PDB file of N, CA and C in Angstrom:
ATOM      1  N   UNK A   1     -58.621 -34.732   7.967  1.00  0.00           N
ATOM      2  CA  UNK A   1     -59.110 -34.025   6.968  1.00  0.00           C
ATOM      3  C   UNK A   1     -59.922 -34.827   5.724  1.00  0.00           C
ATOM      4  N   UNK A   2     -61.275 -34.526   5.825  1.00  0.00           N
ATOM      5  CA  UNK A   2     -61.964 -34.948   4.997  1.00  0.00           C
ATOM      6  C   UNK A   2     -62.528 -34.151   3.770  1.00  0.00           C
ATOM      7  N   UNK A   3     -62.272 -34.459   2.608  1.00  0.00           N
ATOM      8  CA  UNK A   3     -62.951 -33.747   1.499  1.00  0.00           C
ATOM      9  C   UNK A   3     -64.467 -33.776   1.302  1.00  0.00           C
ATOM     10  N   UNK A   4     -64.955 -32.950   0.824  1.00  0.00           N
ATOM     11  CA  UNK A   4     -66.397 -32.703   0.390  1.00  0.00           C
ATOM     12  C   UNK A   4     -66.823 -33.974  -0.467  1.00  0.00           C
ATOM     13  N   UNK A   5     -68.001 -34.530   0.068  1.00  0.00           N
ATOM     14  CA  UNK A   5     -68.496 -35.449  -0.642  1.00  0.00           C
ATOM     15  C   UNK A   5     -69.189 -35.050  -2.144  1.00  0.00           C
ATOM     16  N   UNK A   6     -69.595 -33.797  -2.051  1.00  0.00           N
ATOM     17  CA  UNK A   6     -70.056 -33.389  -3.370  1.00  0.00           C
ATOM     18  C   UNK A   6     -69.340 -33.089  -4.465  1.00  0.00           C
ATOM     19  N   UNK A   7     -67.989 -32.989  -4.235  1.00  0.00           N
ATOM     20  CA  UNK A   7     -67.082 -32.579  -5.223  1.00  0.00           C
ATOM     21  C   UNK A   7     -65.752 -33.242  -5.016  1.00  0.00           C
ATOM     22  N   UNK A   8     -64.917 -33.609  -5.937  1.00  0.00           N
ATOM     23  CA  UNK A   8     -63.782 -34.360  -5.816  1.00  0.00           C
ATOM     24  C   UNK A   8     -62.787 -33.462  -5.282  1.00  0.00           C
ATOM     25  N   UNK A   9     -61.979 -33.834  -4.465  1.00  0.00           N
ATOM     26  CA  UNK A   9     -60.672 -33.211  -3.806  1.00  0.00           C
ATOM     27  C   UNK A   9     -59.870 -32.673  -5.059  1.00  0.00           C
ATOM     28  N   UNK A  10     -59.514 -31.492  -4.797  1.00  0.00           N
ATOM     29  CA  UNK A  10     -58.434 -30.967  -5.886  1.00  0.00           C
ATOM     30  C   UNK A  10     -57.149 -31.641  -5.837  1.00  0.00           C
ATOM     31  N   UNK A  11     -56.975 -32.304  -4.640  1.00  0.00           N
ATOM     32  CA  UNK A  11     -55.650 -33.081  -4.710  1.00  0.00           C
ATOM     33  C   UNK A  11     -55.739 -34.267  -5.511  1.00  0.00           C
ATOM     34  N   UNK A  12     -56.901 -34.837  -5.862  1.00  0.00           N
ATOM     35  CA  UNK A  12     -57.077 -36.137  -6.643  1.00  0.00           C
ATOM     36  C   UNK A  12     -56.816 -35.859  -8.164  1.00  0.00           C
ATOM     37  N   UNK A  13     -56.858 -34.597  -8.406  1.00  0.00           N
ATOM     38  CA  UNK A  13     -56.446 -34.247  -9.878  1.00  0.00           C
ATOM     39  C   UNK A  13     -54.913 -34.189 -10.033  1.00  0.00           C
ATOM     40  N   UNK A  14     -54.178 -34.100  -9.044  1.00  0.00           N
ATOM     41  CA  UNK A  14     -52.674 -33.912  -9.150  1.00  0.00           C
ATOM     42  C   UNK A  14     -51.968 -35.223  -9.178  1.00  0.00           C
ATOM     43  N   UNK A  15     -50.651 -35.207  -9.609  1.00  0.00           N
ATOM     44  CA  UNK A  15     -49.813 -36.475  -9.470  1.00  0.00           C
ATOM     45  C   UNK A  15     -49.435 -36.762  -8.037  1.00  0.00           C
ATOM     46  N   UNK A  16     -48.922 -37.848  -7.687  1.00  0.00           N
ATOM     47  CA  UNK A  16     -48.500 -38.204  -6.263  1.00  0.00           C
ATOM     48  C   UNK A  16     -47.726 -37.222  -6.032  1.00  0.00           C
ATOM     49  N   UNK A  17     -46.658 -36.790  -6.676  1.00  0.00           N
ATOM     50  CA  UNK A  17     -45.475 -36.008  -6.177  1.00  0.00           C
ATOM     51  C   UNK A  17     -46.300 -34.526  -6.026  1.00  0.00           C
ATOM     52  N   UNK A  18     -46.975 -34.008  -6.959  1.00  0.00           N
ATOM     53  CA  UNK A  18     -47.627 -32.738  -6.789  1.00  0.00           C
ATOM     54  C   UNK A  18     -48.800 -32.784  -5.403  1.00  0.00           C
ATOM     55  N   UNK A  19     -49.098 -33.946  -5.233  1.00  0.00           N
ATOM     56  CA  UNK A  19     -50.134 -33.974  -4.064  1.00  0.00           C
ATOM     57  C   UNK A  19     -49.211 -33.900  -2.748  1.00  0.00           C
ATOM     58  N   UNK A  20     -47.993 -34.608  -2.772  1.00  0.00           N
ATOM     59  CA  UNK A  20     -47.089 -34.569  -1.662  1.00  0.00           C
ATOM     60  C   UNK A  20     -46.503 -33.085  -1.339  1.00  0.00           C
ATOM     61  N   UNK A  21     -46.328 -32.541  -2.235  1.00  0.00           N
ATOM     62  CA  UNK A  21     -45.850 -31.040  -2.047  1.00  0.00           C
ATOM     63  C   UNK A  21     -46.914 -30.150  -1.757  1.00  0.00           C
ATOM     64  N   UNK A  22     -48.186 -30.458  -2.301  1.00  0.00           N
ATOM     65  CA  UNK A  22     -49.405 -29.643  -1.807  1.00  0.00           C
ATOM     66  C   UNK A  22     -49.774 -29.623  -0.370  1.00  0.00           C
ATOM     67  N   UNK A  23     -49.589 -30.991   0.005  1.00  0.00           N
ATOM     68  CA  UNK A  23     -49.802 -31.276   1.410  1.00  0.00           C
ATOM     69  C   UNK A  23     -48.729 -30.684   2.280  1.00  0.00           C
ATOM     70  N   UNK A  24     -47.511 -30.599   1.793  1.00  0.00           N
ATOM     71  CA  UNK A  24     -46.494 -30.322   2.629  1.00  0.00           C
ATOM     72  C   UNK A  24     -46.489 -28.616   2.819  1.00  0.00           C
ATOM     73  N   UNK A  25     -46.998 -27.961   1.623  1.00  0.00           N
ATOM     74  CA  UNK A  25     -47.126 -26.522   1.779  1.00  0.00           C
ATOM     75  C   UNK A  25     -48.210 -26.121   2.409  1.00  0.00           C
ATOM     76  N   UNK A  26     -49.338 -26.894   2.502  1.00  0.00           N
ATOM     77  CA  UNK A  26     -50.641 -26.808   3.193  1.00  0.00           C
ATOM     78  C   UNK A  26     -50.388 -26.767   4.559  1.00  0.00           C
ATOM     79  N   UNK A  27     -49.483 -27.550   4.983  1.00  0.00           N
ATOM     80  CA  UNK A  27     -49.070 -27.744   6.528  1.00  0.00           C
ATOM     81  C   UNK A  27     -48.083 -26.908   6.933  1.00  0.00           C
ATOM     82  N   UNK A  28     -47.677 -25.884   6.286  1.00  0.00           N
ATOM     83  CA  UNK A  28     -46.673 -24.800   6.559  1.00  0.00           C
ATOM     84  C   UNK A  28     -45.126 -25.081   6.243  1.00  0.00           C
ATOM     85  N   UNK A  29     -44.787 -26.089   5.361  1.00  0.00           N
ATOM     86  CA  UNK A  29     -43.407 -26.226   4.738  1.00  0.00           C
ATOM     87  C   UNK A  29     -43.163 -25.046   3.966  1.00  0.00           C
ATOM     88  N   UNK A  30     -41.859 -24.742   4.065  1.00  0.00           N
ATOM     89  CA  UNK A  30     -41.431 -23.737   2.911  1.00  0.00           C
ATOM     90  C   UNK A  30     -41.461 -24.390   1.508  1.00  0.00           C
ATOM     91  N   UNK A  31     -41.277 -23.628   0.418  1.00  0.00           N
ATOM     92  CA  UNK A  31     -41.156 -24.263  -0.888  1.00  0.00           C
ATOM     93  C   UNK A  31     -39.722 -24.797  -0.933  1.00  0.00           C
ATOM     94  N   UNK A  32     -38.676 -24.130  -0.383  1.00  0.00           N
ATOM     95  CA  UNK A  32     -37.530 -25.014  -0.213  1.00  0.00           C
ATOM     96  C   UNK A  32     -37.566 -26.430   0.414  1.00  0.00           C
ATOM     97  N   UNK A  33     -38.347 -26.330   1.613  1.00  0.00           N
ATOM     98  CA  UNK A  33     -38.515 -27.575   2.514  1.00  0.00           C
ATOM     99  C   UNK A  33     -39.203 -28.856   1.606  1.00  0.00           C
ATOM    100  N   UNK A  34     -40.422 -28.305   1.019  1.00  0.00           N
ATOM    101  CA  UNK A  34     -41.271 -29.227   0.242  1.00  0.00           C
ATOM    102  C   UNK A  34     -40.336 -29.529  -1.154  1.00  0.00           C
ATOM    103  N   UNK A  35     -39.793 -28.714  -1.639  1.00  0.00           N
ATOM    104  CA  UNK A  35     -38.838 -29.243  -3.078  1.00  0.00           C
ATOM    105  C   UNK A  35     -37.840 -30.221  -2.515  1.00  0.00           C
ATOM    106  N   UNK A  36     -37.017 -30.129  -1.446  1.00  0.00           N
ATOM    107  CA  UNK A  36     -36.193 -30.823  -1.130  1.00  0.00           C
ATOM    108  C   UNK A  36     -36.618 -32.237  -0.745  1.00  0.00           C
ATOM    109  N   UNK A  37     -37.931 -32.282   0.080  1.00  0.00           N
ATOM    110  CA  UNK A  37     -38.423 -33.635   0.431  1.00  0.00           C
ATOM    111  C   UNK A  37     -38.895 -34.407  -0.698  1.00  0.00           C
ATOM    112  N   UNK A  38     -39.521 -33.556  -1.659  1.00  0.00           N
ATOM    113  CA  UNK A  38     -39.845 -34.317  -2.858  1.00  0.00           C
ATOM    114  C   UNK A  38     -38.866 -34.504  -4.101  1.00  0.00           C
ATOM    115  N   UNK A  39     -37.708 -34.056  -3.748  1.00  0.00           N
ATOM    116  CA  UNK A  39     -36.580 -34.424  -4.681  1.00  0.00           C
ATOM    117  C   UNK A  39     -36.686 -33.365  -6.051  1.00  0.00           C
ATOM    118  N   UNK A  40     -37.329 -32.196  -5.757  1.00  0.00           N
ATOM    119  CA  UNK A  40     -37.498 -31.274  -6.842  1.00  0.00           C
ATOM    120  C   UNK A  40     -36.786 -29.959  -6.785  1.00  0.00           C
ATOM    121  N   UNK A  41     -36.765 -29.169  -7.681  1.00  0.00           N
ATOM    122  CA  UNK A  41     -36.125 -27.997  -7.667  1.00  0.00           C
ATOM    123  C   UNK A  41     -37.298 -26.961  -7.277  1.00  0.00           C
ATOM    124  N   UNK A  42     -37.009 -25.943  -6.616  1.00  0.00           N
ATOM    125  CA  UNK A  42     -38.000 -24.873  -6.022  1.00  0.00           C
ATOM    126  C   UNK A  42     -38.559 -24.267  -7.287  1.00  0.00           C
ATOM    127  N   UNK A  43     -38.048 -24.088  -8.348  1.00  0.00           N
ATOM    128  CA  UNK A  43     -38.752 -23.376  -9.683  1.00  0.00           C
ATOM    129  C   UNK A  43     -39.865 -24.200 -10.208  1.00  0.00           C
ATOM    130  N   UNK A  44     -39.599 -25.661  -9.925  1.00  0.00           N
ATOM    131  CA  UNK A  44     -40.840 -26.482 -10.418  1.00  0.00           C
ATOM    132  C   UNK A  44     -41.900 -26.029  -9.475  1.00  0.00           C
ATOM    133  N   UNK A  45     -41.897 -26.011  -8.330  1.00  0.00           N
ATOM    134  CA  UNK A  45     -43.063 -25.592  -7.470  1.00  0.00           C
ATOM    135  C   UNK A  45     -43.609 -24.392  -7.811  1.00  0.00           C
ATOM    136  N   UNK A  46     -42.702 -23.485  -7.890  1.00  0.00           N
ATOM    137  CA  UNK A  46     -43.186 -22.073  -8.397  1.00  0.00           C
ATOM    138  C   UNK A  46     -43.890 -21.946  -9.561  1.00  0.00           C
ATOM    139  N   UNK A  47     -43.471 -22.815 -10.579  1.00  0.00           N
ATOM    140  CA  UNK A  47     -44.249 -23.030 -11.730  1.00  0.00           C
ATOM    141  C   UNK A  47     -45.554 -23.923 -11.527  1.00  0.00           C
ATOM    142  N   UNK A  48     -45.677 -24.792 -10.497  1.00  0.00           N
ATOM    143  CA  UNK A  48     -46.831 -25.341 -10.260  1.00  0.00           C
ATOM    144  C   UNK A  48     -47.990 -24.388  -9.592  1.00  0.00           C
ATOM    145  N   UNK A  49     -47.321 -23.702  -8.881  1.00  0.00           N
ATOM    146  CA  UNK A  49     -48.205 -22.538  -7.964  1.00  0.00           C
ATOM    147  C   UNK A  49     -48.786 -21.623  -8.891  1.00  0.00           C
ATOM    148  N   UNK A  50     -48.182 -21.248 -10.136  1.00  0.00           N
ATOM    149  CA  UNK A  50     -48.877 -20.443 -11.038  1.00  0.00           C
ATOM    150  C   UNK A  50     -50.039 -21.087 -11.792  1.00  0.00           C
ATOM    151  N   UNK A  51     -49.983 -22.327 -11.760  1.00  0.00           N
ATOM    152  CA  UNK A  51     -51.244 -23.029 -12.224  1.00  0.00           C
ATOM    153  C   UNK A  51     -52.418 -23.236 -11.363  1.00  0.00           C
ATOM    154  N   UNK A  52     -53.614 -22.748 -11.824  1.00  0.00           N
ATOM    155  CA  UNK A  52     -54.827 -22.516 -10.871  1.00  0.00           C
ATOM    156  C   UNK A  52     -55.107 -23.984 -10.218  1.00  0.00           C
ATOM    157  N   UNK A  53     -54.899 -25.042 -10.992  1.00  0.00           N
ATOM    158  CA  UNK A  53     -55.332 -26.276 -10.354  1.00  0.00           C
ATOM    159  C   UNK A  53     -54.402 -26.695  -9.095  1.00  0.00           C
ATOM    160  N   UNK A  54     -53.038 -26.507  -9.251  1.00  0.00           N
ATOM    161  CA  UNK A  54     -52.366 -26.689  -8.235  1.00  0.00           C
ATOM    162  C   UNK A  54     -52.302 -25.841  -7.300  1.00  0.00           C
ATOM    163  N   UNK A  55     -52.585 -24.557  -7.272  1.00  0.00           N
ATOM    164  CA  UNK A  55     -52.904 -23.548  -6.301  1.00  0.00           C
ATOM    165  C   UNK A  55     -54.239 -23.918  -5.641  1.00  0.00           C
ATOM    166  N   UNK A  56     -55.195 -24.243  -6.370  1.00  0.00           N
ATOM    167  CA  UNK A  56     -56.484 -24.556  -5.627  1.00  0.00           C
ATOM    168  C   UNK A  56     -56.222 -25.880  -4.699  1.00  0.00           C
ATOM    169  N   UNK A  57     -55.556 -26.657  -5.293  1.00  0.00           N
ATOM    170  CA  UNK A  57     -55.428 -27.914  -4.394  1.00  0.00           C
ATOM    171  C   UNK A  57     -54.531 -27.397  -3.022  1.00  0.00           C
ATOM    172  N   UNK A  58     -53.623 -26.717  -3.347  1.00  0.00           N
ATOM    173  CA  UNK A  58     -52.975 -26.112  -2.053  1.00  0.00           C
ATOM    174  C   UNK A  58     -53.893 -25.502  -0.977  1.00  0.00           C
ATOM    175  N   UNK A  59     -54.781 -24.500  -1.637  1.00  0.00           N
ATOM    176  CA  UNK A  59     -55.547 -23.878  -0.993  1.00  0.00           C
ATOM    177  C   UNK A  59     -56.575 -24.722  -0.195  1.00  0.00           C
ATOM    178  N   UNK A  60     -57.127 -25.679  -0.953  1.00  0.00           N
ATOM    179  CA  UNK A  60     -58.120 -26.521  -0.103  1.00  0.00           C
ATOM    180  C   UNK A  60     -57.390 -27.458   0.911  1.00  0.00           C
ATOM    181  N   UNK A  61     -56.260 -27.824   0.769  1.00  0.00           N
ATOM    182  CA  UNK A  61     -55.529 -28.635   1.574  1.00  0.00           C
ATOM    183  C   UNK A  61     -55.135 -27.825   2.865  1.00  0.00           C
ATOM    184  N   UNK A  62     -54.716 -26.605   2.586  1.00  0.00           N
ATOM    185  CA  UNK A  62     -54.682 -25.788   3.732  1.00  0.00           C
ATOM    186  C   UNK A  62     -55.770 -25.591   4.643  1.00  0.00           C
ATOM    187  N   UNK A  63     -56.842 -25.252   3.860  1.00  0.00           N
ATOM    188  CA  UNK A  63     -58.071 -25.129   4.699  1.00  0.00           C
ATOM    189  C   UNK A  63     -58.595 -26.381   5.601  1.00  0.00           C
ATOM    190  N   UNK A  64     -58.374 -27.485   5.015  1.00  0.00           N
ATOM    191  CA  UNK A  64     -58.780 -28.917   5.648  1.00  0.00           C
ATOM    192  C   UNK A  64     -57.682 -28.927   6.731  1.00  0.00           C
ATOM    193  N   UNK A  65     -56.574 -28.759   6.521  1.00  0.00           N
ATOM    194  CA  UNK A  65     -55.608 -28.755   7.804  1.00  0.00           C
ATOM    195  C   UNK A  65     -55.742 -27.879   8.733  1.00  0.00           C
ATOM    196  N   UNK A  66     -56.299 -26.586   8.546  1.00  0.00           N
ATOM    197  CA  UNK A  66     -56.592 -25.726   9.625  1.00  0.00           C
ATOM    198  C   UNK A  66     -57.883 -26.127  10.235  1.00  0.00           C
ATOM    199  N   UNK A  67     -58.880 -26.641   9.593  1.00  0.00           N
ATOM    200  CA  UNK A  67     -59.981 -27.222  10.259  1.00  0.00           C
ATOM    201  C   UNK A  67     -59.605 -28.255  11.261  1.00  0.00           C
ATOM    202  N   UNK A  68     -58.660 -29.276  10.614  1.00  0.00           N
ATOM    203  CA  UNK A  68     -58.176 -30.318  11.466  1.00  0.00           C
ATOM    204  C   UNK A  68     -57.416 -29.818  12.811  1.00  0.00           C
ATOM    205  N   UNK A  69     -56.823 -28.718  12.656  1.00  0.00           N
ATOM    206  CA  UNK A  69     -56.182 -28.324  13.952  1.00  0.00           C
ATOM    207  C   UNK A  69     -57.046 -27.672  14.951  1.00  0.00           C
ATOM    208  N   UNK A  70     -58.123 -26.970  14.413  1.00  0.00           N
ATOM    209  CA  UNK A  70     -59.176 -26.626  15.181  1.00  0.00           C
ATOM    210  C   UNK A  70     -59.989 -27.745  15.980  1.00  0.00           C
ATOM    211  N   UNK A  71     -60.287 -28.782  15.253  1.00  0.00           N
ATOM    212  CA  UNK A  71     -60.910 -29.998  15.619  1.00  0.00           C
ATOM    213  C   UNK A  71     -60.115 -30.516  16.842  1.00  0.00           C
ATOM    214  N   UNK A  72     -58.761 -30.653  16.651  1.00  0.00           N
ATOM    215  CA  UNK A  72     -57.733 -31.393  17.418  1.00  0.00           C
ATOM    216  C   UNK A  72     -57.940 -30.507  18.685  1.00  0.00           C
ATOM    217  N   UNK A  73     -57.718 -29.079  18.668  1.00  0.00           N
ATOM    218  CA  UNK A  73     -57.736 -28.240  19.678  1.00  0.00           C
ATOM    219  C   UNK A  73     -58.908 -28.308  20.557  1.00  0.00           C
ATOM    220  N   UNK A  74     -60.227 -28.492  19.854  1.00  0.00           N
ATOM    221  CA  UNK A  74     -61.566 -28.535  20.479  1.00  0.00           C
ATOM    222  C   UNK A  74     -61.329 -29.975  21.356  1.00  0.00           C
ATOM    223  N   UNK A  75     -60.917 -31.050  20.628  1.00  0.00           N
ATOM    224  CA  UNK A  75     -60.870 -32.279  21.390  1.00  0.00           C
ATOM    225  C   UNK A  75     -60.009 -32.237  22.611  1.00  0.00           C
ATOM    226  N   UNK A  76     -58.643 -31.438  22.697  1.00  0.00           N
ATOM    227  CA  UNK A  76     -58.012 -31.321  23.756  1.00  0.00           C
ATOM    228  C   UNK A  76     -58.520 -30.634  24.790  1.00  0.00           C
ATOM    229  N   UNK A  77     -59.366 -29.468  24.379  1.00  0.00           N
ATOM    230  CA  UNK A  77     -60.087 -28.709  25.610  1.00  0.00           C
ATOM    231  C   UNK A  77     -61.027 -29.451  26.262  1.00  0.00           C
ATOM    232  N   UNK A  78     -61.756 -30.391  25.423  1.00  0.00           N
ATOM    233  CA  UNK A  78     -62.846 -31.211  26.052  1.00  0.00           C
ATOM    234  C   UNK A  78     -62.056 -32.288  26.996  1.00  0.00           C
ATOM    235  N   UNK A  79     -60.970 -32.761  26.527  1.00  0.00           N
ATOM    236  CA  UNK A  79     -60.212 -33.776  27.587  1.00  0.00           C
ATOM    237  C   UNK A  79     -59.862 -33.059  28.743  1.00  0.00           C
ATOM    238  N   UNK A  80     -59.255 -31.683  28.673  1.00  0.00           N
ATOM    239  CA  UNK A  80     -59.050 -31.011  29.719  1.00  0.00           C
ATOM    240  C   UNK A  80     -59.984 -30.636  30.617  1.00  0.00           C
ATOM    241  N   UNK A  81     -61.053 -30.363  30.073  1.00  0.00           N
ATOM    242  CA  UNK A  81     -62.196 -29.974  31.012  1.00  0.00           C
ATOM    243  C   UNK A  81     -62.788 -31.421  31.700  1.00  0.00           C
ATOM    244  N   UNK A  82     -62.705 -32.484  30.988  1.00  0.00           N
ATOM    245  CA  UNK A  82     -63.068 -33.717  31.752  1.00  0.00           C
ATOM    246  C   UNK A  82     -62.042 -34.165  32.794  1.00  0.00           C
ATOM    247  N   UNK A  83     -60.843 -33.834  32.609  1.00  0.00           N
ATOM    248  CA  UNK A  83     -59.762 -34.267  33.713  1.00  0.00           C
ATOM    249  C   UNK A  83     -59.980 -33.312  34.921  1.00  0.00           C
ATOM    250  N   UNK A  84     -60.325 -31.850  34.627  1.00  0.00           N
ATOM    251  CA  UNK A  84     -60.565 -31.004  35.820  1.00  0.00           C
ATOM    252  C   UNK A  84     -61.657 -31.463  36.502  1.00  0.00           C
ATOM    253  N   UNK A  85     -62.844 -31.801  35.745  1.00  0.00           N
ATOM    254  CA  UNK A  85     -64.047 -32.377  36.410  1.00  0.00           C
ATOM    255  C   UNK A  85     -64.036 -33.505  37.211  1.00  0.00           C
ATOM    256  N   UNK A  86     -63.075 -34.417  36.536  1.00  0.00           N
ATOM    257  CA  UNK A  86     -62.923 -35.860  37.432  1.00  0.00           C
ATOM    258  C   UNK A  86     -62.085 -35.371  38.726  1.00  0.00           C
ATOM    259  N   UNK A  87     -61.101 -34.603  38.546  1.00  0.00           N
ATOM    260  CA  UNK A  87     -60.261 -34.214  39.751  1.00  0.00           C
ATOM    261  C   UNK A  87     -61.059 -33.593  40.976  1.00  0.00           C
ATOM    262  N   UNK A  88     -62.103 -32.498  40.454  1.00  0.00           N
ATOM    263  CA  UNK A  88     -62.964 -31.842  41.299  1.00  0.00           C
ATOM    264  C   UNK A  88     -63.797 -32.907  42.225  1.00  0.00           C
ATOM    265  N   UNK A  89     -64.241 -33.790  41.386  1.00  0.00           N
ATOM    266  CA  UNK A  89     -65.206 -34.718  41.817  1.00  0.00           C
ATOM    267  C   UNK A  89     -64.780 -35.721  42.774  1.00  0.00           C
ATOM    268  N   UNK A  90     -63.347 -36.140  42.419  1.00  0.00           N
ATOM    269  CA  UNK A  90     -62.716 -37.265  43.320  1.00  0.00           C
ATOM    270  C   UNK A  90     -62.517 -37.018  44.611  1.00  0.00           C
ATOM    271  N   UNK A  91     -63.104 -37.749  45.510  1.00  0.00           N
ATOM    272  CA  UNK A  91     -62.928 -37.495  47.044  1.00  0.00           C
ATOM    273  C   UNK A  91     -61.214 -37.802  47.128  1.00  0.00           C
ATOM    274  N   UNK A  92     -60.584 -38.389  46.467  1.00  0.00           N
ATOM    275  CA  UNK A  92     -59.207 -38.774  46.831  1.00  0.00           C
ATOM    276  C   UNK A  92     -58.209 -37.515  46.395  1.00  0.00           C
ATOM    277  N   UNK A  93     -58.831 -36.653  45.508  1.00  0.00           N
ATOM    278  CA  UNK A  93     -58.017 -35.318  45.047  1.00  0.00           C
ATOM    279  C   UNK A  93     -57.847 -34.533  46.541  1.00  0.00           C
ATOM    280  N   UNK A  94     -56.755 -34.115  46.881  1.00  0.00           N
ATOM    281  CA  UNK A  94     -56.574 -33.281  48.111  1.00  0.00           C
ATOM    282  C   UNK A  94     -57.510 -32.077  48.043  1.00  0.00           C
ATOM    283  N   UNK A  95     -57.951 -31.705  49.443  1.00  0.00           N
ATOM    284  CA  UNK A  95     -58.941 -30.542  49.115  1.00  0.00           C
ATOM    285  C   UNK A  95     -58.212 -29.097  48.831  1.00  0.00           C
ATOM    286  N   UNK A  96     -56.699 -29.229  49.195  1.00  0.00           N
ATOM    287  CA  UNK A  96     -56.243 -27.880  48.788  1.00  0.00           C
ATOM    288  C   UNK A  96     -56.058 -27.891  47.145  1.00  0.00           C
ATOM    289  N   UNK A  97     -56.007 -29.021  46.739  1.00  0.00           N
ATOM    290  CA  UNK A  97     -55.810 -29.140  45.068  1.00  0.00           C
ATOM    291  C   UNK A  97     -57.300 -28.804  44.478  1.00  0.00           C
ATOM    292  N   UNK A  98     -58.316 -29.188  45.116  1.00  0.00           N
ATOM    293  CA  UNK A  98     -59.662 -29.133  44.504  1.00  0.00           C
ATOM    294  C   UNK A  98     -59.848 -27.537  44.632  1.00  0.00           C
ATOM    295  N   UNK A  99     -59.457 -26.876  45.681  1.00  0.00           N
ATOM    296  CA  UNK A  99     -59.762 -25.535  45.855  1.00  0.00           C
ATOM    297  C   UNK A  99     -58.797 -24.754  44.957  1.00  0.00           C
ATOM    298  N   UNK A 100     -57.673 -25.381  44.699  1.00  0.00           N
ATOM    299  CA  UNK A 100     -56.803 -24.463  43.598  1.00  0.00           C
ATOM    300  C   UNK A 100     -57.604 -24.464  42.432  1.00  0.00           C
ATOM    301  N   UNK A 101     -57.854 -25.590  41.863  1.00  0.00           N
ATOM    302  CA  UNK A 101     -58.535 -25.828  40.744  1.00  0.00           C
ATOM    303  C   UNK A 101     -59.815 -25.071  40.519  1.00  0.00           C
ATOM    304  N   UNK A 102     -60.696 -25.088  41.651  1.00  0.00           N
ATOM    305  CA  UNK A 102     -62.004 -24.196  41.651  1.00  0.00           C
ATOM    306  C   UNK A 102     -61.574 -22.808  41.329  1.00  0.00           C
ATOM    307  N   UNK A 103     -60.505 -22.348  42.055  1.00  0.00           N
ATOM    308  CA  UNK A 103     -60.226 -20.828  41.913  1.00  0.00           C
ATOM    309  C   UNK A 103     -59.746 -20.448  40.798  1.00  0.00           C
ATOM    310  N   UNK A 104     -58.966 -21.532  40.104  1.00  0.00           N
ATOM    311  CA  UNK A 104     -58.356 -21.108  38.811  1.00  0.00           C
ATOM    312  C   UNK A 104     -59.505 -20.883  37.785  1.00  0.00           C
ATOM    313  N   UNK A 105     -60.549 -21.959  37.916  1.00  0.00           N
ATOM    314  CA  UNK A 105     -61.485 -21.853  37.031  1.00  0.00           C
ATOM    315  C   UNK A 105     -62.311 -20.741  37.123  1.00  0.00           C
ATOM    316  N   UNK A 106     -62.557 -20.320  38.540  1.00  0.00           N
ATOM    317  CA  UNK A 106     -63.145 -18.891  38.506  1.00  0.00           C
ATOM    318  C   UNK A 106     -62.511 -17.606  38.388  1.00  0.00           C
ATOM    319  N   UNK A 107     -61.030 -17.872  37.939  1.00  0.00           N
ATOM    320  CA  UNK A 107     -60.077 -16.811  37.559  1.00  0.00           C
ATOM    321  C   UNK A 107     -59.719 -15.869  38.790  1.00  0.00           C
ATOM    322  N   UNK A 108     -59.481 -16.533  39.915  1.00  0.00           N
ATOM    323  CA  UNK A 108     -59.161 -15.983  41.267  1.00  0.00           C
ATOM    324  C   UNK A 108     -57.622 -16.669  41.418  1.00  0.00           C
ATOM    325  N   UNK A 109     -56.675 -15.572  42.124  1.00  0.00           N
ATOM    326  CA  UNK A 109     -55.501 -16.280  42.525  1.00  0.00           C
ATOM    327  C   UNK A 109     -55.514 -16.546  43.909  1.00  0.00           C
ATOM    328  N   UNK A 110     -54.589 -17.487  44.412  1.00  0.00           N
ATOM    329  CA  UNK A 110     -54.548 -17.925  45.759  1.00  0.00           C
ATOM    330  C   UNK A 110     -53.664 -16.815  46.357  1.00  0.00           C
TER     331      UNK A 110
END
């Protein structure tokens, strides 16, 4: 997750504990779980969420987290394609395995 270079991250305006909670919420933690992890009461987090500065930080952190998940998924797909390409090109891969891979790629069933 990399914040925009043109504007400071909303997280940088928060206390360490608020940033910890904001990141936890952004990554899918419940308010109860985030509160417990930070040693806070849930009511405190609800109050923070009523403040636009904290809510914006959570929103920005969530958007950055989602982008990082997409990037990770894209990287994994590239690695999978490279693995399949290597197996298809490798003469040591048994012919029946190469055929199964090729048919799978083409969307056919054996």
